[in-house]
Amino acid sequence: MLDAKLRPSLIEVNQMPSFATDSSLDFRIKKGLIQDCLRTLCLNMNRKNGYKKEKRNKINDRLMKPTVKLSDLT
């Protein structure tokens, strides 16, 4: 929901929404809802690929860091 200043407010969160469709109207509504959510979150393949690359780089950096030996601590 948007207020008068177009600020969004979350009204309800459904942990397990049904995306099954029983009619063509139900299909159009749910399809539009999913598309709007993805657009709002700016989710696209470029962003997904960038996220995967960033995650892979962080893992590689962590794996390649020198480890601290117990003897160095004493």
PDB file of N, CA and C in Angstrom:
ATOM      1  N   MET A   1       0.843  -1.160   0.000  1.00  0.00           N
ATOM      2  CA  MET A   1       0.000   0.000   0.000  1.00  0.00           C
ATOM      3  C   MET A   1       0.900   1.238   0.000  1.00  0.00           C
ATOM      4  N   LEU A   2       0.476   2.270  -0.708  1.00  0.00           N
ATOM      5  CA  LEU A   2       1.222   3.531  -0.756  1.00  0.00           C
ATOM      6  C   LEU A   2       0.439   4.612  -0.030  1.00  0.00           C
ATOM      7  N   ASP A   3       1.137   5.461   0.739  1.00  0.00           N
ATOM      8  CA  ASP A   3       0.459   6.572   1.403  1.00  0.00           C
ATOM      9  C   ASP A   3       0.408   7.777   0.469  1.00  0.00           C
ATOM     10  N   ALA A   4      -0.039   8.906   0.985  1.00  0.00           N
ATOM     11  CA  ALA A   4      -0.206  10.112   0.161  1.00  0.00           C
ATOM     12  C   ALA A   4       1.103  10.614  -0.423  1.00  0.00           C
ATOM     13  N   LYS A   5       2.238  10.296   0.251  1.00  0.00           N
ATOM     14  CA  LYS A   5       3.549  10.710  -0.251  1.00  0.00           C
ATOM     15  C   LYS A   5       4.242   9.578  -1.018  1.00  0.00           C
ATOM     16  N   LEU A   6       3.460   8.595  -1.417  1.00  0.00           N
ATOM     17  CA  LEU A   6       3.930   7.436  -2.188  1.00  0.00           C
ATOM     18  C   LEU A   6       4.971   6.603  -1.438  1.00  0.00           C
ATOM     19  N   ARG A   7       4.904   6.601  -0.111  1.00  0.00           N
ATOM     20  CA  ARG A   7       5.776   5.752   0.683  1.00  0.00           C
ATOM     21  C   ARG A   7       5.093   4.410   0.869  1.00  0.00           C
ATOM     22  N   PRO A   8       5.812   3.316   0.590  1.00  0.00           N
ATOM     23  CA  PRO A   8       5.191   2.002   0.709  1.00  0.00           C
ATOM     24  C   PRO A   8       5.076   1.549   2.165  1.00  0.00           C
ATOM     25  N   SER A   9       4.027   0.824   2.462  1.00  0.00           N
ATOM     26  CA  SER A   9       3.827   0.219   3.778  1.00  0.00           C
ATOM     27  C   SER A   9       3.459  -1.240   3.573  1.00  0.00           C
ATOM     28  N   LEU A  10       4.063  -2.088   4.366  1.00  0.00           N
ATOM     29  CA  LEU A  10       3.757  -3.510   4.299  1.00  0.00           C
ATOM     30  C   LEU A  10       2.550  -3.781   5.179  1.00  0.00           C
ATOM     31  N   ILE A  11       1.551  -4.404   4.605  1.00  0.00           N
ATOM     32  CA  ILE A  11       0.320  -4.658   5.337  1.00  0.00           C
ATOM     33  C   ILE A  11       0.302  -6.079   5.903  1.00  0.00           C
ATOM     34  N   GLU A  12       0.708  -7.034   5.103  1.00  0.00           N
ATOM     35  CA  GLU A  12       0.640  -8.430   5.527  1.00  0.00           C
ATOM     36  C   GLU A  12       1.706  -9.227   4.798  1.00  0.00           C
ATOM     37  N   VAL A  13       2.239 -10.219   5.470  1.00  0.00           N
ATOM     38  CA  VAL A  13       3.193 -11.125   4.844  1.00  0.00           C
ATOM     39  C   VAL A  13       2.601 -12.525   4.914  1.00  0.00           C
ATOM     40  N   ASN A  14       2.471 -13.140   3.766  1.00  0.00           N
ATOM     41  CA  ASN A  14       1.967 -14.511   3.710  1.00  0.00           C
ATOM     42  C   ASN A  14       3.172 -15.409   3.467  1.00  0.00           C
ATOM     43  N   GLN A  15       3.493 -16.266   4.431  1.00  0.00           N
ATOM     44  CA  GLN A  15       4.681 -17.100   4.319  1.00  0.00           C
ATOM     45  C   GLN A  15       4.570 -18.164   3.238  1.00  0.00           C
ATOM     46  N   MET A  16       3.384 -18.585   2.913  1.00  0.00           N
ATOM     47  CA  MET A  16       3.216 -19.632   1.908  1.00  0.00           C
ATOM     48  C   MET A  16       2.074 -19.273   0.959  1.00  0.00           C
ATOM     49  N   PRO A  17       2.267 -18.235   0.131  1.00  0.00           N
ATOM     50  CA  PRO A  17       1.186 -17.853  -0.777  1.00  0.00           C
ATOM     51  C   PRO A  17       0.968 -18.911  -1.852  1.00  0.00           C
ATOM     52  N   SER A  18      -0.253 -19.028  -2.261  1.00  0.00           N
ATOM     53  CA  SER A  18      -0.579 -19.971  -3.333  1.00  0.00           C
ATOM     54  C   SER A  18      -0.471 -19.251  -4.674  1.00  0.00           C
ATOM     55  N   PHE A  19       0.304 -19.828  -5.570  1.00  0.00           N
ATOM     56  CA  PHE A  19       0.389 -19.277  -6.912  1.00  0.00           C
ATOM     57  C   PHE A  19      -0.339 -20.154  -7.916  1.00  0.00           C
ATOM     58  N   ALA A  20      -1.141 -21.069  -7.399  1.00  0.00           N
ATOM     59  CA  ALA A  20      -1.991 -21.878  -8.280  1.00  0.00           C
ATOM     60  C   ALA A  20      -3.059 -20.967  -8.867  1.00  0.00           C
ATOM     61  N   THR A  21      -3.460 -21.272 -10.084  1.00  0.00           N
ATOM     62  CA  THR A  21      -4.466 -20.444 -10.734  1.00  0.00           C
ATOM     63  C   THR A  21      -5.658 -21.308 -11.120  1.00  0.00           C
ATOM     64  N   ASP A  22      -6.838 -20.797 -10.786  1.00  0.00           N
ATOM     65  CA  ASP A  22      -8.072 -21.529 -11.088  1.00  0.00           C
ATOM     66  C   ASP A  22      -8.831 -20.941 -12.276  1.00  0.00           C
ATOM     67  N   SER A  23      -8.434 -19.754 -12.688  1.00  0.00           N
ATOM     68  CA  SER A  23      -9.126 -19.110 -13.808  1.00  0.00           C
ATOM     69  C   SER A  23      -8.135 -18.223 -14.549  1.00  0.00           C
ATOM     70  N   SER A  24      -8.550 -17.761 -15.708  1.00  0.00           N
ATOM     71  CA  SER A  24      -7.668 -16.889 -16.492  1.00  0.00           C
ATOM     72  C   SER A  24      -7.479 -15.556 -15.766  1.00  0.00           C
ATOM     73  N   LEU A  25      -8.497 -15.079 -15.068  1.00  0.00           N
ATOM     74  CA  LEU A  25      -8.369 -13.837 -14.303  1.00  0.00           C
ATOM     75  C   LEU A  25      -7.364 -14.024 -13.169  1.00  0.00           C
ATOM     76  N   ASP A  26      -7.455 -15.127 -12.459  1.00  0.00           N
ATOM     77  CA  ASP A  26      -6.519 -15.443 -11.380  1.00  0.00           C
ATOM     78  C   ASP A  26      -5.093 -15.501 -11.923  1.00  0.00           C
ATOM     79  N   PHE A  27      -4.905 -16.105 -13.080  1.00  0.00           N
ATOM     80  CA  PHE A  27      -3.586 -16.196 -13.711  1.00  0.00           C
ATOM     81  C   PHE A  27      -3.034 -14.813 -14.022  1.00  0.00           C
ATOM     82  N   ARG A  28      -3.864 -13.951 -14.632  1.00  0.00           N
ATOM     83  CA  ARG A  28      -3.403 -12.608 -15.002  1.00  0.00           C
ATOM     84  C   ARG A  28      -3.028 -11.790 -13.769  1.00  0.00           C
ATOM     85  N   ILE A  29      -3.814 -11.907 -12.709  1.00  0.00           N
ATOM     86  CA  ILE A  29      -3.537 -11.145 -11.490  1.00  0.00           C
ATOM     87  C   ILE A  29      -2.227 -11.600 -10.860  1.00  0.00           C
ATOM     88  N   LYS A  30      -2.050 -12.912 -10.722  1.00  0.00           N
ATOM     89  CA  LYS A  30      -0.848 -13.433 -10.071  1.00  0.00           C
ATOM     90  C   LYS A  30       0.398 -13.226 -10.924  1.00  0.00           C
ATOM     91  N   LYS A  31       0.246 -13.345 -12.236  1.00  0.00           N
ATOM     92  CA  LYS A  31       1.377 -13.091 -13.131  1.00  0.00           C
ATOM     93  C   LYS A  31       1.824 -11.634 -12.999  1.00  0.00           C
ATOM     94  N   GLY A  32       0.870 -10.715 -12.987  1.00  0.00           N
ATOM     95  CA  GLY A  32       1.186  -9.298 -12.836  1.00  0.00           C
ATOM     96  C   GLY A  32       1.828  -9.003 -11.492  1.00  0.00           C
ATOM     97  N   LEU A  33       1.341  -9.653 -10.446  1.00  0.00           N
ATOM     98  CA  LEU A  33       1.902  -9.465  -9.113  1.00  0.00           C
ATOM     99  C   LEU A  33       3.366  -9.895  -9.071  1.00  0.00           C
ATOM    100  N   ILE A  34       3.668 -11.048  -9.631  1.00  0.00           N
ATOM    101  CA  ILE A  34       5.042 -11.555  -9.638  1.00  0.00           C
ATOM    102  C   ILE A  34       5.943 -10.641 -10.466  1.00  0.00           C
ATOM    103  N   GLN A  35       5.464 -10.226 -11.628  1.00  0.00           N
ATOM    104  CA  GLN A  35       6.258  -9.330 -12.474  1.00  0.00           C
ATOM    105  C   GLN A  35       6.533  -8.007 -11.760  1.00  0.00           C
ATOM    106  N   ASP A  36       5.523  -7.453 -11.106  1.00  0.00           N
ATOM    107  CA  ASP A  36       5.701  -6.194 -10.385  1.00  0.00           C
ATOM    108  C   ASP A  36       6.698  -6.345  -9.238  1.00  0.00           C
ATOM    109  N   CYS A  37       6.620  -7.466  -8.528  1.00  0.00           N
ATOM    110  CA  CYS A  37       7.561  -7.699  -7.421  1.00  0.00           C
ATOM    111  C   CYS A  37       8.993  -7.789  -7.941  1.00  0.00           C
ATOM    112  N   LEU A  38       9.193  -8.521  -9.021  1.00  0.00           N
ATOM    113  CA  LEU A  38      10.537  -8.661  -9.583  1.00  0.00           C
ATOM    114  C   LEU A  38      11.064  -7.316 -10.080  1.00  0.00           C
ATOM    115  N   ARG A  39      10.195  -6.528 -10.710  1.00  0.00           N
ATOM    116  CA  ARG A  39      10.600  -5.206 -11.186  1.00  0.00           C
ATOM    117  C   ARG A  39      10.940  -4.285 -10.021  1.00  0.00           C
ATOM    118  N   THR A  40      10.125  -4.321  -8.976  1.00  0.00           N
ATOM    119  CA  THR A  40      10.341  -3.476  -7.804  1.00  0.00           C
ATOM    120  C   THR A  40      11.675  -3.796  -7.140  1.00  0.00           C
ATOM    121  N   LEU A  41      12.019  -5.074  -7.097  1.00  0.00           N
ATOM    122  CA  LEU A  41      13.271  -5.503  -6.483  1.00  0.00           C
ATOM    123  C   LEU A  41      14.464  -5.393  -7.435  1.00  0.00           C
ATOM    124  N   CYS A  42      14.199  -4.953  -8.676  1.00  0.00           N
ATOM    125  CA  CYS A  42      15.237  -4.830  -9.706  1.00  0.00           C
ATOM    126  C   CYS A  42      15.943  -6.163  -9.941  1.00  0.00           C
ATOM    127  N   LEU A  43      15.191  -7.237  -9.908  1.00  0.00           N
ATOM    128  CA  LEU A  43      15.779  -8.553 -10.144  1.00  0.00           C
ATOM    129  C   LEU A  43      15.788  -8.839 -11.636  1.00  0.00           C
ATOM    130  N   ASN A  44      16.977  -9.126 -12.151  1.00  0.00           N
ATOM    131  CA  ASN A  44      17.130  -9.498 -13.542  1.00  0.00           C
ATOM    132  C   ASN A  44      18.374 -10.382 -13.653  1.00  0.00           C
ATOM    133  N   MET A  45      18.640 -10.905 -14.823  1.00  0.00           N
ATOM    134  CA  MET A  45      19.756 -11.839 -14.989  1.00  0.00           C
ATOM    135  C   MET A  45      21.103 -11.163 -14.747  1.00  0.00           C
ATOM    136  N   ASN A  46      21.258  -9.908 -15.151  1.00  0.00           N
ATOM    137  CA  ASN A  46      22.531  -9.206 -14.906  1.00  0.00           C
ATOM    138  C   ASN A  46      22.805  -9.085 -13.419  1.00  0.00           C
ATOM    139  N   ARG A  47      21.778  -8.716 -12.665  1.00  0.00           N
ATOM    140  CA  ARG A  47      21.950  -8.576 -11.217  1.00  0.00           C
ATOM    141  C   ARG A  47      22.231  -9.935 -10.574  1.00  0.00           C
ATOM    142  N   LYS A  48      21.534 -10.967 -11.049  1.00  0.00           N
ATOM    143  CA  LYS A  48      21.749 -12.319 -10.521  1.00  0.00           C
ATOM    144  C   LYS A  48      23.184 -12.772 -10.791  1.00  0.00           C
ATOM    145  N   ASN A  49      23.645 -12.579 -12.006  1.00  0.00           N
ATOM    146  CA  ASN A  49      25.004 -12.996 -12.360  1.00  0.00           C
ATOM    147  C   ASN A  49      26.041 -12.207 -11.570  1.00  0.00           C
ATOM    148  N   GLY A  50      25.795 -10.910 -11.360  1.00  0.00           N
ATOM    149  CA  GLY A  50      26.708 -10.100 -10.558  1.00  0.00           C
ATOM    150  C   GLY A  50      26.762 -10.583  -9.115  1.00  0.00           C
ATOM    151  N   TYR A  51      25.609 -10.940  -8.566  1.00  0.00           N
ATOM    152  CA  TYR A  51      25.553 -11.456  -7.200  1.00  0.00           C
ATOM    153  C   TYR A  51      26.336 -12.756  -7.085  1.00  0.00           C
ATOM    154  N   LYS A  52      26.138 -13.650  -8.058  1.00  0.00           N
ATOM    155  CA  LYS A  52      26.837 -14.940  -8.025  1.00  0.00           C
ATOM    156  C   LYS A  52      28.354 -14.745  -8.133  1.00  0.00           C
ATOM    157  N   LYS A  53      28.775 -13.808  -8.980  1.00  0.00           N
ATOM    158  CA  LYS A  53      30.203 -13.539  -9.134  1.00  0.00           C
ATOM    159  C   LYS A  53      30.783 -12.954  -7.845  1.00  0.00           C
ATOM    160  N   GLU A  54      30.061 -12.018  -7.238  1.00  0.00           N
ATOM    161  CA  GLU A  54      30.518 -11.411  -5.983  1.00  0.00           C
ATOM    162  C   GLU A  54      30.622 -12.459  -4.877  1.00  0.00           C
ATOM    163  N   LYS A  55      29.649 -13.336  -4.806  1.00  0.00           N
ATOM    164  CA  LYS A  55      29.662 -14.392  -3.786  1.00  0.00           C
ATOM    165  C   LYS A  55      30.837 -15.344  -4.008  1.00  0.00           C
ATOM    166  N   ARG A  56      31.071 -15.704  -5.265  1.00  0.00           N
ATOM    167  CA  ARG A  56      32.188 -16.593  -5.607  1.00  0.00           C
ATOM    168  C   ARG A  56      33.525 -15.937  -5.252  1.00  0.00           C
ATOM    169  N   ASN A  57      33.659 -14.643  -5.530  1.00  0.00           N
ATOM    170  CA  ASN A  57      34.890 -13.921  -5.195  1.00  0.00           C
ATOM    171  C   ASN A  57      35.125 -13.872  -3.685  1.00  0.00           C
ATOM    172  N   LYS A  58      34.056 -13.654  -2.919  1.00  0.00           N
ATOM    173  CA  LYS A  58      34.193 -13.632  -1.461  1.00  0.00           C
ATOM    174  C   LYS A  58      34.631 -14.995  -0.930  1.00  0.00           C
ATOM    175  N   ILE A  59      34.082 -16.051  -1.480  1.00  0.00           N
ATOM    176  CA  ILE A  59      34.474 -17.404  -1.062  1.00  0.00           C
ATOM    177  C   ILE A  59      35.936 -17.649  -1.403  1.00  0.00           C
ATOM    178  N   ASN A  60      36.343 -17.290  -2.608  1.00  0.00           N
ATOM    179  CA  ASN A  60      37.740 -17.478  -3.016  1.00  0.00           C
ATOM    180  C   ASN A  60      38.690 -16.667  -2.143  1.00  0.00           C
ATOM    181  N   ASP A  61      38.309 -15.433  -1.832  1.00  0.00           N
ATOM    182  CA  ASP A  61      39.146 -14.598  -0.966  1.00  0.00           C
ATOM    183  C   ASP A  61      39.308 -15.228   0.408  1.00  0.00           C
ATOM    184  N   ARG A  62      38.216 -15.742   0.943  1.00  0.00           N
ATOM    185  CA  ARG A  62      38.274 -16.358   2.264  1.00  0.00           C
ATOM    186  C   ARG A  62      39.123 -17.620   2.248  1.00  0.00           C
ATOM    187  N   LEU A  63      39.022 -18.398   1.173  1.00  0.00           N
ATOM    188  CA  LEU A  63      39.802 -19.630   1.070  1.00  0.00           C
ATOM    189  C   LEU A  63      41.283 -19.364   0.873  1.00  0.00           C
ATOM    190  N   MET A  64      41.626 -18.255   0.240  1.00  0.00           N
ATOM    191  CA  MET A  64      43.013 -17.955  -0.068  1.00  0.00           C
ATOM    192  C   MET A  64      43.725 -17.158   1.027  1.00  0.00           C
ATOM    193  N   LYS A  65      42.997 -16.703   2.029  1.00  0.00           N
ATOM    194  CA  LYS A  65      43.625 -15.945   3.118  1.00  0.00           C
ATOM    195  C   LYS A  65      44.540 -16.861   3.918  1.00  0.00           C
ATOM    196  N   PRO A  66      45.674 -16.317   4.339  1.00  0.00           N
ATOM    197  CA  PRO A  66      46.543 -17.143   5.188  1.00  0.00           C
ATOM    198  C   PRO A  66      45.857 -17.396   6.532  1.00  0.00           C
ATOM    199  N   THR A  67      46.063 -18.583   7.046  1.00  0.00           N
ATOM    200  CA  THR A  67      45.448 -18.918   8.325  1.00  0.00           C
ATOM    201  C   THR A  67      46.381 -18.563   9.470  1.00  0.00           C
ATOM    202  N   VAL A  68      45.828 -18.319  10.601  1.00  0.00           N
ATOM    203  CA  VAL A  68      46.594 -17.992  11.792  1.00  0.00           C
ATOM    204  C   VAL A  68      46.902 -19.299  12.511  1.00  0.00           C
ATOM    205  N   LYS A  69      48.187 -19.506  12.841  1.00  0.00           N
ATOM    206  CA  LYS A  69      48.602 -20.710  13.539  1.00  0.00           C
ATOM    207  C   LYS A  69      48.501 -20.467  15.040  1.00  0.00           C
ATOM    208  N   LEU A  70      48.203 -21.493  15.783  1.00  0.00           N
ATOM    209  CA  LEU A  70      48.125 -21.370  17.235  1.00  0.00           C
ATOM    210  C   LEU A  70      49.454 -20.923  17.832  1.00  0.00           C
ATOM    211  N   SER A  71      50.554 -21.358  17.240  1.00  0.00           N
ATOM    212  CA  SER A  71      51.858 -20.955  17.750  1.00  0.00           C
ATOM    213  C   SER A  71      52.104 -19.455  17.602  1.00  0.00           C
ATOM    214  N   ASP A  72      51.459 -18.819  16.616  1.00  0.00           N
ATOM    215  CA  ASP A  72      51.604 -17.383  16.424  1.00  0.00           C
ATOM    216  C   ASP A  72      50.866 -16.595  17.499  1.00  0.00           C
ATOM    217  N   LEU A  73      49.897 -17.215  18.152  1.00  0.00           N
ATOM    218  CA  LEU A  73      49.075 -16.535  19.143  1.00  0.00           C
ATOM    219  C   LEU A  73      49.735 -16.507  20.525  1.00  0.00           C
ATOM    220  N   THR A  74      50.688 -17.370  20.763  1.00  0.00           N
ATOM    221  CA  THR A  74      51.310 -17.438  22.091  1.00  0.00           C
ATOM    222  C   THR A  74      52.651 -16.759  22.137  1.00  0.00           C
TER     223      THR A  74
END
